[in-house]
Amino acid sequence: QVQLVESGGGLVQAGGSLRLSCAASGRTFSMYAMGWFRRAPGKELNFVARITGSGGITSYADSVKGRFTISRDNAKNTVYLQMNSLKPEDTAVYYCNSDSHWGQGTQVTVSS
């Protein structure tokens, strides 16, 4: 059974930083791409970032490019999302994803 557990969300002022983590279990972690998505209040779920199994290729939504960095540690079965220069519009619940599997989400709130 695949499980994804996010952590690291919280309240931060605009311009600040947070690092989200997603711990995975139940499958051979390094074989699968991992992604982060987010859902702002009253809005649809949106793609944020993705990383391949080896970590060699990453991709980002235009809205976060240059501010967010996705990475992974296959020895720890964990994927990270480093978020810098946060803006109020980054406020959302952030979800970790792998194929059809989703975490429970972690709230990120950026105050102006």
Protein backbone atom coordinates (compact mmCIF):
# COMPACT_ATOMS: atom_id res chain seq x y z
CA GLN A 1 0.00 0.00 0.00
CA VAL A 2 1.47 3.28 -1.13
CA GLN A 3 1.47 6.10 1.42
CA LEU A 4 2.54 9.70 0.95
CA VAL A 5 2.83 11.92 4.01
CA GLU A 6 3.50 15.63 3.64
CA SER A 7 4.93 17.92 6.30
CA GLY A 8 6.50 21.33 6.62
CA GLY A 9 3.59 23.64 5.92
CA GLY A 10 2.81 26.66 8.05
CA LEU A 11 2.34 30.39 8.22
CA VAL A 12 5.03 32.64 6.79
CA GLN A 13 5.30 36.29 5.83
CA ALA A 14 5.60 37.34 2.20
CA GLY A 15 9.20 37.02 1.07
CA GLY A 16 9.86 34.16 3.44
CA SER A 17 10.71 30.53 2.84
CA LEU A 18 9.37 27.10 3.68
CA ARG A 19 10.48 23.58 2.85
CA LEU A 20 7.87 20.90 2.35
CA SER A 21 8.67 17.23 2.66
CA CYS A 22 6.82 14.17 1.42
CA ALA A 23 7.77 10.80 2.84
CA ALA A 24 6.78 7.84 0.68
CA SER A 25 6.37 4.18 1.53
CA GLY A 26 4.98 1.05 -0.05
CA ARG A 27 6.86 1.06 -3.35
CA THR A 28 10.35 1.30 -4.82
CA PHE A 29 10.62 5.05 -4.49
CA SER A 30 13.40 5.68 -6.99
CA MET A 31 11.42 4.11 -9.83
CA TYR A 32 8.71 6.76 -9.84
CA ALA A 33 8.41 10.41 -10.68
CA MET A 34 7.05 12.59 -7.90
CA GLY A 35 5.10 15.80 -8.07
CA TRP A 36 3.69 18.64 -6.03
CA PHE A 37 0.29 20.18 -6.66
CA ARG A 38 -1.64 22.84 -4.82
CA ARG A 39 -5.22 23.98 -4.33
CA ALA A 40 -5.87 27.58 -3.33
CA PRO A 41 -9.12 28.41 -1.48
CA GLY A 42 -12.04 28.12 -3.86
CA LYS A 43 -9.85 27.17 -6.82
CA GLU A 44 -8.92 24.06 -8.76
CA LEU A 45 -5.96 21.80 -8.16
CA ASN A 46 -2.87 23.06 -10.00
CA PHE A 47 0.48 21.56 -10.91
CA VAL A 48 3.48 23.03 -9.10
CA ALA A 49 6.55 20.89 -9.80
CA ARG A 50 7.66 17.43 -10.87
CA ILE A 51 10.86 15.40 -10.61
CA THR A 52 11.82 12.16 -12.33
CA GLY A 53 12.73 9.01 -10.42
CA SER A 54 16.46 9.60 -10.71
CA GLY A 55 16.06 13.29 -9.93
CA GLY A 56 17.71 14.22 -13.20
CA ILE A 57 14.82 16.11 -14.74
CA THR A 58 12.59 18.68 -13.08
CA SER A 59 9.76 20.82 -14.33
CA TYR A 60 7.84 23.74 -12.82
CA ALA A 61 4.73 25.77 -13.25
CA ASP A 62 5.53 29.21 -14.64
CA SER A 63 4.14 30.82 -11.49
CA VAL A 64 6.82 29.25 -9.28
CA LYS A 65 9.77 29.01 -11.66
CA GLY A 66 12.89 30.58 -10.14
CA ARG A 67 11.40 30.59 -6.63
CA PHE A 68 10.64 26.93 -5.90
CA THR A 69 12.98 23.95 -6.15
CA ILE A 70 11.92 20.31 -6.14
CA SER A 71 14.44 17.67 -5.08
CA ARG A 72 14.49 14.14 -3.77
CA ASP A 73 16.56 11.86 -1.57
CA ASN A 74 15.97 8.31 -2.77
CA ALA A 75 17.87 6.89 0.20
CA LYS A 76 15.27 8.51 2.48
CA ASN A 77 12.26 7.92 0.20
CA THR A 78 11.51 11.61 0.47
CA VAL A 79 10.78 14.42 -1.97
CA TYR A 80 11.14 18.07 -1.04
CA LEU A 81 9.81 21.39 -2.21
CA GLN A 82 11.94 24.36 -1.24
CA MET A 83 9.83 27.49 -1.53
CA ASN A 84 11.55 30.88 -1.47
CA SER A 85 10.31 34.42 -2.01
CA LEU A 86 6.83 33.33 -1.06
CA LYS A 87 3.87 35.45 -2.11
CA PRO A 88 0.33 35.65 -0.71
CA GLU A 89 -0.89 33.98 -3.90
CA ASP A 90 1.13 30.89 -2.96
CA THR A 91 -1.34 30.28 -0.13
CA ALA A 92 -2.84 26.84 -0.71
CA VAL A 93 -2.97 23.27 0.45
CA TYR A 94 0.01 21.51 -1.09
CA TYR A 95 -0.27 17.87 -2.11
CA CYS A 96 2.39 15.31 -2.90
CA ASN A 97 1.63 13.00 -5.84
CA SER A 98 2.95 9.86 -7.45
CA ASP A 99 0.89 8.32 -10.25
CA SER A 100 -2.61 7.89 -8.78
CA HIS A 101 -1.44 8.28 -5.19
CA TRP A 102 -1.89 11.45 -3.17
CA GLY A 103 -0.92 12.64 0.26
CA GLN A 104 -3.30 14.28 2.70
CA GLY A 105 -1.96 17.76 2.01
CA THR A 106 -0.21 20.41 4.07
CA GLN A 107 -1.42 23.99 4.47
CA VAL A 108 0.82 26.86 3.42
CA THR A 109 -0.34 30.35 4.31
CA VAL A 110 1.59 33.43 3.21
CA SER A 111 0.63 36.69 4.88
CA SER A 112 1.14 40.06 3.22
